Amino acid sequence: MPAKRNMPRSGPRRRPQGEERRKRIARRIREEKLAEGQRVRRESLTQEERARRAKLAQEQRLRRARKEENIRREREAAAKRVSYIRKPLAGRSVIGAFLLLAALLFLGFCVYTAYATRGGAAFSVGGPALCSILCAFSAFWYHVAAFREKDKNYRLARIGIVLSAVLLAFWGALIYFSW
């Protein structure tokens, strides 16, 4: 078989020669890479493509800056909020809650005994009544002292102060009206 000669073709489909051919091939490769989303060397981009890429880069920088600003604002707002979940309960308020529970149990015993005897409770009810008063008073002071603890959750202390004050007022009214 005879070897083919590199002879120029005649006719309308002539291959471009030299520099023109290299530019067309480079343009086709560049367009294929751009279509696939691959990176292209900056020197091979046209002026319009460079301007478009510069605009996209500027938009990305602005988006990133807005996102960072939003994150910063969100962190500042979160720092100002009070979270009761993260802070532990004040230790003295827990002790006060147990004392308040004991005072309520003693009160319940006294009221039940008075109801069962139709108002004629024996003198043996005086001991639990006195214990209820002392437990309510101690609970009140433990809840007040709980506010001295730093960086704690004081919700239980607030509730305890109100309940123990109501219990002490109840006992005071009961003693006042029974004389």
Protein backbone atom coordinates (compact mmCIF):
# COMPACT_ATOMS: atom_id res chain seq x y z
CA MET A 1 0.00 0.00 0.00
CA PRO A 2 1.46 3.28 -0.99
CA ALA A 3 2.11 5.96 1.66
CA LYS A 4 -0.30 8.90 1.80
CA ARG A 5 1.02 12.24 0.91
CA ASN A 6 0.21 15.36 2.85
CA MET A 7 -1.33 17.27 0.06
CA PRO A 8 -3.67 20.19 0.62
CA ARG A 9 -7.26 19.39 -0.27
CA SER A 10 -8.99 21.44 -2.77
CA GLY A 11 -12.56 22.50 -2.36
CA PRO A 12 -14.73 24.33 0.16
CA ARG A 13 -13.59 22.34 3.28
CA ARG A 14 -10.04 23.48 3.43
CA ARG A 15 -8.34 23.11 6.76
CA PRO A 16 -7.15 26.34 8.30
CA GLN A 17 -3.45 26.77 8.20
CA GLY A 18 -1.07 27.54 11.09
CA GLU A 19 -2.16 30.12 13.67
CA GLU A 20 -5.80 30.21 12.65
CA ARG A 21 -6.14 26.44 13.04
CA ARG A 22 -4.49 26.47 16.48
CA LYS A 23 -6.90 29.21 17.68
CA ARG A 24 -9.96 27.28 16.50
CA ILE A 25 -8.83 24.11 18.20
CA ALA A 26 -8.05 26.01 21.41
CA ARG A 27 -11.48 27.72 21.28
CA ARG A 28 -13.27 24.38 20.81
CA ILE A 29 -11.36 22.80 23.73
CA ARG A 30 -12.07 25.85 25.89
CA GLU A 31 -15.80 25.71 25.08
CA GLU A 32 -15.91 22.00 25.90
CA LYS A 33 -14.18 22.59 29.22
CA LEU A 34 -16.50 25.50 30.06
CA ALA A 35 -19.53 23.34 29.21
CA GLU A 36 -18.25 20.63 31.57
CA GLY A 37 -17.52 23.17 34.32
CA GLN A 38 -13.76 22.61 34.30
CA ARG A 39 -11.17 25.28 34.94
CA VAL A 40 -9.64 27.00 31.97
CA ARG A 41 -6.38 28.92 31.85
CA ARG A 42 -6.95 32.63 32.06
CA GLU A 43 -4.87 33.38 28.97
CA SER A 44 -7.16 31.28 26.79
CA LEU A 45 -10.32 33.17 27.80
CA THR A 46 -11.83 35.88 25.68
CA GLN A 47 -12.45 39.37 27.04
CA GLU A 48 -16.18 38.72 27.52
CA GLU A 49 -15.51 35.47 29.40
CA ARG A 50 -13.01 37.23 31.66
CA ALA A 51 -15.54 39.98 32.45
CA ARG A 52 -18.26 37.42 33.13
CA ARG A 53 -15.99 35.42 35.44
CA ALA A 54 -14.90 38.59 37.27
CA LYS A 55 -18.56 39.49 37.80
CA LEU A 56 -19.35 36.00 39.13
CA ALA A 57 -16.36 36.14 41.46
CA GLN A 58 -17.51 39.53 42.77
CA GLU A 59 -21.02 38.17 43.37
CA GLN A 60 -19.58 35.18 45.23
CA ARG A 61 -17.48 37.47 47.43
CA LEU A 62 -20.56 39.58 48.22
CA ARG A 63 -22.63 36.46 49.03
CA ARG A 64 -19.88 35.14 51.28
CA ALA A 65 -19.62 38.50 53.07
CA ARG A 66 -23.41 38.63 53.59
CA LYS A 67 -23.39 35.07 54.92
CA GLU A 68 -20.59 35.84 57.38
CA GLU A 69 -22.43 39.00 58.50
CA ASN A 70 -25.64 37.02 59.07
CA ILE A 71 -23.74 34.40 61.09
CA ARG A 72 -22.13 37.14 63.19
CA ARG A 73 -25.52 38.79 63.87
CA GLU A 74 -27.06 35.43 64.78
CA ARG A 75 -24.26 34.70 67.25
CA GLU A 76 -24.64 38.13 68.84
CA ALA A 77 -28.41 37.62 69.17
CA ALA A 78 -27.91 34.14 70.65
CA ALA A 79 -25.47 35.54 73.21
CA LYS A 80 -28.11 38.00 74.42
CA ARG A 81 -30.79 35.31 74.90
CA VAL A 82 -31.13 33.61 78.25
CA SER A 83 -31.06 29.85 78.14
CA TYR A 84 -32.51 27.98 81.09
CA ILE A 85 -31.45 24.65 79.62
CA ARG A 86 -27.70 25.20 79.85
CA LYS A 87 -27.65 26.63 83.38
CA PRO A 88 -27.98 24.21 86.29
CA LEU A 89 -30.48 24.77 89.07
CA ALA A 90 -29.28 26.64 92.12
CA GLY A 91 -28.32 24.03 94.73
CA ARG A 92 -30.03 25.78 97.64
CA SER A 93 -33.30 25.99 95.72
CA VAL A 94 -33.37 22.18 95.42
CA ILE A 95 -32.87 21.81 99.19
CA GLY A 96 -35.60 24.42 99.71
CA ALA A 97 -37.92 22.47 97.41
CA PHE A 98 -37.49 19.33 99.53
CA LEU A 99 -38.18 21.33 102.72
CA LEU A 100 -41.27 22.82 101.09
CA LEU A 101 -42.46 19.35 100.12
CA ALA A 102 -42.01 18.18 103.73
CA ALA A 103 -43.95 21.24 104.98
CA LEU A 104 -46.79 20.45 102.57
CA LEU A 105 -46.89 16.81 103.72
CA PHE A 106 -47.08 17.89 107.37
CA LEU A 107 -49.82 20.37 106.46
CA GLY A 108 -51.73 17.65 104.62
CA PHE A 109 -51.51 15.37 107.67
CA CYS A 110 -52.79 18.14 109.94
CA VAL A 111 -55.69 19.06 107.65
CA TYR A 112 -56.67 15.41 107.16
CA THR A 113 -56.61 14.78 110.92
CA ALA A 114 -58.75 17.87 111.56
CA TYR A 115 -61.21 16.79 108.86
CA ALA A 116 -61.40 13.20 110.10
CA THR A 117 -62.14 14.31 113.68
CA ARG A 118 -64.59 17.00 112.46
CA GLY A 119 -62.55 19.86 113.87
CA GLY A 120 -61.66 18.20 117.17
CA ALA A 121 -58.03 17.32 116.44
CA ALA A 122 -55.97 16.14 119.39
CA PHE A 123 -52.92 17.88 120.77
CA SER A 124 -50.76 15.37 118.87
CA VAL A 125 -51.42 17.43 115.71
CA GLY A 126 -49.43 20.32 117.18
CA GLY A 127 -46.07 18.62 116.55
CA PRO A 128 -46.57 18.11 112.80
CA ALA A 129 -48.06 21.61 112.56
CA LEU A 130 -44.98 23.13 114.18
CA CYS A 131 -42.74 21.04 111.88
CA SER A 132 -44.71 22.31 108.88
CA ILE A 133 -44.23 25.93 109.95
CA LEU A 134 -40.49 25.45 110.57
CA CYS A 135 -39.98 23.61 107.27
CA ALA A 136 -41.88 26.34 105.37
CA PHE A 137 -39.80 29.06 107.06
CA SER A 138 -36.52 27.19 106.32
CA ALA A 139 -37.59 26.61 102.72
CA PHE A 140 -38.29 30.33 102.33
CA TRP A 141 -34.76 31.23 103.50
CA TYR A 142 -33.11 28.55 101.37
CA HIS A 143 -34.90 29.92 98.29
CA VAL A 144 -33.82 33.46 99.15
CA ALA A 145 -30.21 32.28 99.65
CA ALA A 146 -30.30 30.54 96.25
CA PHE A 147 -30.15 33.95 94.55
CA ARG A 148 -26.61 34.44 95.84
CA GLU A 149 -25.30 31.64 93.61
CA LYS A 150 -23.87 32.99 90.35
CA ASP A 151 -24.83 31.81 86.84
CA LYS A 152 -27.59 29.45 87.94
CA ASN A 153 -31.20 28.86 86.99
CA TYR A 154 -33.38 30.65 89.57
CA ARG A 155 -36.80 29.52 88.32
CA LEU A 156 -37.24 26.94 91.11
CA ALA A 157 -36.17 29.51 93.70
CA ARG A 158 -38.82 31.99 92.52
CA ILE A 159 -41.57 29.38 92.60
CA GLY A 160 -40.39 28.17 96.02
CA ILE A 161 -40.44 31.66 97.53
CA VAL A 162 -44.03 32.18 96.45
CA LEU A 163 -45.25 28.78 97.67
CA SER A 164 -43.48 28.96 101.03
CA ALA A 165 -44.77 32.52 101.59
CA VAL A 166 -48.32 31.33 100.83
CA LEU A 167 -47.87 28.39 103.22
CA LEU A 168 -46.57 30.66 105.99
CA ALA A 169 -49.48 33.06 105.40
CA PHE A 170 -51.90 30.13 105.63
CA TRP A 171 -50.42 29.01 108.96
CA GLY A 172 -50.44 32.58 110.25
CA ALA A 173 -54.10 33.03 109.34
CA LEU A 174 -55.01 29.65 110.85
CA ILE A 175 -53.30 30.50 114.15
CA TYR A 176 -54.81 34.01 114.22
CA PHE A 177 -58.38 32.86 113.61
CA SER A 178 -58.18 29.86 115.95
CA TRP A 179 -57.66 32.05 119.07
